[in-house]
Amino acid sequence: MKNLLFLLIILTSIFSYSQTVNGIPISELDAKYIRINSVAKILKPFQVKVFLDYGQISRFKDIKKGKVMDDDGKMYVFNGTMGVVNLLVDNGYRISHIYNSKDDSVNYVMEKIN
């Protein structure tokens, strides 16, 4: 009985774990398109800081509204931009456009699949 209860607790915590943007689970965002903005960390070049822009960021001080957070309210760390792309694909999005900026960063525009 203890093993079954322990297994249920573990499975519940695994399946309830989700990432949010501005307090909204990624799978429930009311946005047709999302742009991924990623910046490599200075001392950890394979990890990136990520901001998702779906129209909620209107000023520079609103950039915190685009942070991907975990259930504990901590900023979620990705090991590269493809980790973000995979997360969005798992939540019902697909790659719509890929383009380069003037600073040679690659930007992804993701489209929600209905």
C-alpha atoms as a PDB file:
ATOM      1  CA  MET A   1       0.000   0.000   0.000  1.00  0.00           C
ATOM      2  CA  LYS A   2       2.839   2.397   0.840  1.00  0.00           C
ATOM      3  CA  ASN A   3       4.484   1.682  -2.502  1.00  0.00           C
ATOM      4  CA  LEU A   4       1.264   2.415  -4.387  1.00  0.00           C
ATOM      5  CA  LEU A   5       0.740   5.688  -2.510  1.00  0.00           C
ATOM      6  CA  PHE A   6       4.349   6.705  -3.128  1.00  0.00           C
ATOM      7  CA  LEU A   7       4.014   5.895  -6.838  1.00  0.00           C
ATOM      8  CA  LEU A   8       0.814   7.959  -7.116  1.00  0.00           C
ATOM      9  CA  ILE A   9       2.452  10.944  -5.435  1.00  0.00           C
ATOM     10  CA  ILE A  10       5.444  10.754  -7.781  1.00  0.00           C
ATOM     11  CA  LEU A  11       3.280  10.428 -10.906  1.00  0.00           C
ATOM     12  CA  THR A  12       1.027  13.295  -9.840  1.00  0.00           C
ATOM     13  CA  SER A  13       3.984  15.593  -9.256  1.00  0.00           C
ATOM     14  CA  ILE A  14       5.539  14.669 -12.610  1.00  0.00           C
ATOM     15  CA  PHE A  15       2.380  15.266 -14.634  1.00  0.00           C
ATOM     16  CA  SER A  16       1.365  18.422 -12.772  1.00  0.00           C
ATOM     17  CA  TYR A  17       4.772  20.030 -13.324  1.00  0.00           C
ATOM     18  CA  SER A  18       4.429  22.742 -15.923  1.00  0.00           C
ATOM     19  CA  GLN A  19       6.104  25.874 -17.109  1.00  0.00           C
ATOM     20  CA  THR A  20       4.233  29.163 -17.093  1.00  0.00           C
ATOM     21  CA  VAL A  21       4.613  32.547 -18.739  1.00  0.00           C
ATOM     22  CA  ASN A  22       3.140  35.520 -16.884  1.00  0.00           C
ATOM     23  CA  GLY A  23       1.344  33.039 -14.588  1.00  0.00           C
ATOM     24  CA  ILE A  24      -0.340  31.184 -17.479  1.00  0.00           C
ATOM     25  CA  PRO A  25       0.605  27.600 -18.420  1.00  0.00           C
ATOM     26  CA  ILE A  26       2.230  27.535 -21.862  1.00  0.00           C
ATOM     27  CA  SER A  27      -0.366  25.118 -23.215  1.00  0.00           C
ATOM     28  CA  GLU A  28      -3.141  27.579 -22.264  1.00  0.00           C
ATOM     29  CA  LEU A  29      -1.686  30.791 -23.733  1.00  0.00           C
ATOM     30  CA  ASP A  30      -4.228  32.646 -25.844  1.00  0.00           C
ATOM     31  CA  ALA A  31      -1.804  33.433 -28.657  1.00  0.00           C
ATOM     32  CA  LYS A  32      -1.626  32.248 -32.245  1.00  0.00           C
ATOM     33  CA  TYR A  33       2.091  33.136 -32.501  1.00  0.00           C
ATOM     34  CA  ILE A  34       4.923  33.247 -29.965  1.00  0.00           C
ATOM     35  CA  ARG A  35       8.411  34.608 -30.610  1.00  0.00           C
ATOM     36  CA  ILE A  36      11.315  33.042 -28.747  1.00  0.00           C
ATOM     37  CA  ASN A  37      13.938  35.513 -27.547  1.00  0.00           C
ATOM     38  CA  SER A  38      16.964  33.727 -26.127  1.00  0.00           C
ATOM     39  CA  VAL A  39      20.213  35.145 -24.804  1.00  0.00           C
ATOM     40  CA  ALA A  40      23.213  32.978 -23.943  1.00  0.00           C
ATOM     41  CA  LYS A  41      24.495  33.256 -20.380  1.00  0.00           C
ATOM     42  CA  ILE A  42      27.946  34.817 -20.115  1.00  0.00           C
ATOM     43  CA  LEU A  43      29.709  32.122 -18.116  1.00  0.00           C
ATOM     44  CA  LYS A  44      27.504  29.247 -19.286  1.00  0.00           C
ATOM     45  CA  PRO A  45      27.364  29.508 -23.093  1.00  0.00           C
ATOM     46  CA  PHE A  46      25.223  26.390 -23.506  1.00  0.00           C
ATOM     47  CA  GLN A  47      22.486  27.690 -21.207  1.00  0.00           C
ATOM     48  CA  VAL A  48      20.146  30.447 -22.326  1.00  0.00           C
ATOM     49  CA  LYS A  49      17.824  32.961 -20.713  1.00  0.00           C
ATOM     50  CA  VAL A  50      14.498  32.847 -22.501  1.00  0.00           C
ATOM     51  CA  PHE A  51      11.718  35.361 -22.954  1.00  0.00           C
ATOM     52  CA  LEU A  52       8.563  34.408 -24.820  1.00  0.00           C
ATOM     53  CA  ASP A  53       6.803  37.270 -26.569  1.00  0.00           C
ATOM     54  CA  TYR A  54       3.178  36.748 -27.533  1.00  0.00           C
ATOM     55  CA  GLY A  55       2.194  40.429 -27.402  1.00  0.00           C
ATOM     56  CA  GLN A  56       2.251  40.940 -23.645  1.00  0.00           C
ATOM     57  CA  ILE A  57       5.530  42.898 -23.618  1.00  0.00           C
ATOM     58  CA  SER A  58       4.981  46.563 -24.503  1.00  0.00           C
ATOM     59  CA  ARG A  59       7.914  48.192 -22.679  1.00  0.00           C
ATOM     60  CA  PHE A  60      11.363  47.140 -21.581  1.00  0.00           C
ATOM     61  CA  LYS A  61      10.245  46.950 -17.956  1.00  0.00           C
ATOM     62  CA  ASP A  62       7.584  44.388 -18.992  1.00  0.00           C
ATOM     63  CA  ILE A  63      10.275  41.908 -20.044  1.00  0.00           C
ATOM     64  CA  LYS A  64       9.657  39.934 -16.821  1.00  0.00           C
ATOM     65  CA  LYS A  65       6.215  39.043 -18.200  1.00  0.00           C
ATOM     66  CA  GLY A  66       7.957  36.891 -20.808  1.00  0.00           C
ATOM     67  CA  LYS A  67      10.047  34.774 -18.456  1.00  0.00           C
ATOM     68  CA  VAL A  68       9.363  31.046 -18.403  1.00  0.00           C
ATOM     69  CA  MET A  69       8.808  30.039 -14.788  1.00  0.00           C
ATOM     70  CA  ASP A  70       8.521  26.652 -13.108  1.00  0.00           C
ATOM     71  CA  ASP A  71       5.988  25.644 -10.443  1.00  0.00           C
ATOM     72  CA  ASP A  72       8.215  27.052  -7.690  1.00  0.00           C
ATOM     73  CA  GLY A  73       8.208  30.513  -9.272  1.00  0.00           C
ATOM     74  CA  LYS A  74      11.848  30.254 -10.329  1.00  0.00           C
ATOM     75  CA  MET A  75      13.049  31.141 -13.805  1.00  0.00           C
ATOM     76  CA  TYR A  76      13.275  27.971 -15.889  1.00  0.00           C
ATOM     77  CA  VAL A  77      16.754  27.382 -17.359  1.00  0.00           C
ATOM     78  CA  PHE A  78      17.069  25.831 -20.796  1.00  0.00           C
ATOM     79  CA  ASN A  79      20.136  24.118 -22.236  1.00  0.00           C
ATOM     80  CA  GLY A  80      19.959  25.913 -25.564  1.00  0.00           C
ATOM     81  CA  THR A  81      17.236  27.396 -27.695  1.00  0.00           C
ATOM     82  CA  MET A  82      16.156  24.012 -29.025  1.00  0.00           C
ATOM     83  CA  GLY A  83      15.007  23.117 -25.506  1.00  0.00           C
ATOM     84  CA  VAL A  84      12.540  25.997 -25.726  1.00  0.00           C
ATOM     85  CA  VAL A  85      11.436  24.953 -29.207  1.00  0.00           C
ATOM     86  CA  ASN A  86      10.849  21.400 -27.975  1.00  0.00           C
ATOM     87  CA  LEU A  87       8.875  22.676 -24.973  1.00  0.00           C
ATOM     88  CA  LEU A  88       6.595  24.725 -27.224  1.00  0.00           C
ATOM     89  CA  VAL A  89       6.168  21.823 -29.668  1.00  0.00           C
ATOM     90  CA  ASP A  90       5.141  19.614 -26.739  1.00  0.00           C
ATOM     91  CA  ASN A  91       2.541  22.268 -25.821  1.00  0.00           C
ATOM     92  CA  GLY A  92       0.860  22.474 -29.229  1.00  0.00           C
ATOM     93  CA  TYR A  93       3.061  24.824 -31.276  1.00  0.00           C
ATOM     94  CA  ARG A  94       5.132  24.364 -34.430  1.00  0.00           C
ATOM     95  CA  ILE A  95       7.887  26.405 -36.051  1.00  0.00           C
ATOM     96  CA  SER A  96       6.419  29.019 -38.379  1.00  0.00           C
ATOM     97  CA  HIS A  97       9.459  31.188 -39.218  1.00  0.00           C
ATOM     98  CA  ILE A  98      13.142  31.306 -38.396  1.00  0.00           C
ATOM     99  CA  TYR A  99      15.139  34.468 -38.998  1.00  0.00           C
ATOM    100  CA  ASN A 100      18.447  36.074 -38.046  1.00  0.00           C
ATOM    101  CA  SER A 101      18.744  39.428 -36.290  1.00  0.00           C
ATOM    102  CA  LYS A 102      21.425  42.037 -36.892  1.00  0.00           C
ATOM    103  CA  ASP A 103      23.385  40.646 -33.934  1.00  0.00           C
ATOM    104  CA  ASP A 104      23.456  37.169 -35.575  1.00  0.00           C
ATOM    105  CA  SER A 105      21.028  35.672 -33.065  1.00  0.00           C
ATOM    106  CA  VAL A 106      18.486  33.204 -34.408  1.00  0.00           C
ATOM    107  CA  ASN A 107      14.833  33.960 -33.686  1.00  0.00           C
ATOM    108  CA  TYR A 108      11.997  31.469 -33.844  1.00  0.00           C
ATOM    109  CA  VAL A 109       8.351  32.298 -34.404  1.00  0.00           C
ATOM    110  CA  MET A 110       6.112  29.489 -33.213  1.00  0.00           C
ATOM    111  CA  GLU A 111       2.520  28.999 -34.405  1.00  0.00           C
ATOM    112  CA  LYS A 112      -0.204  27.338 -32.349  1.00  0.00           C
ATOM    113  CA  ILE A 113      -1.700  24.261 -33.978  1.00  0.00           C
ATOM    114  CA  ASN A 114      -5.462  23.964 -33.583  1.00  0.00           C
END
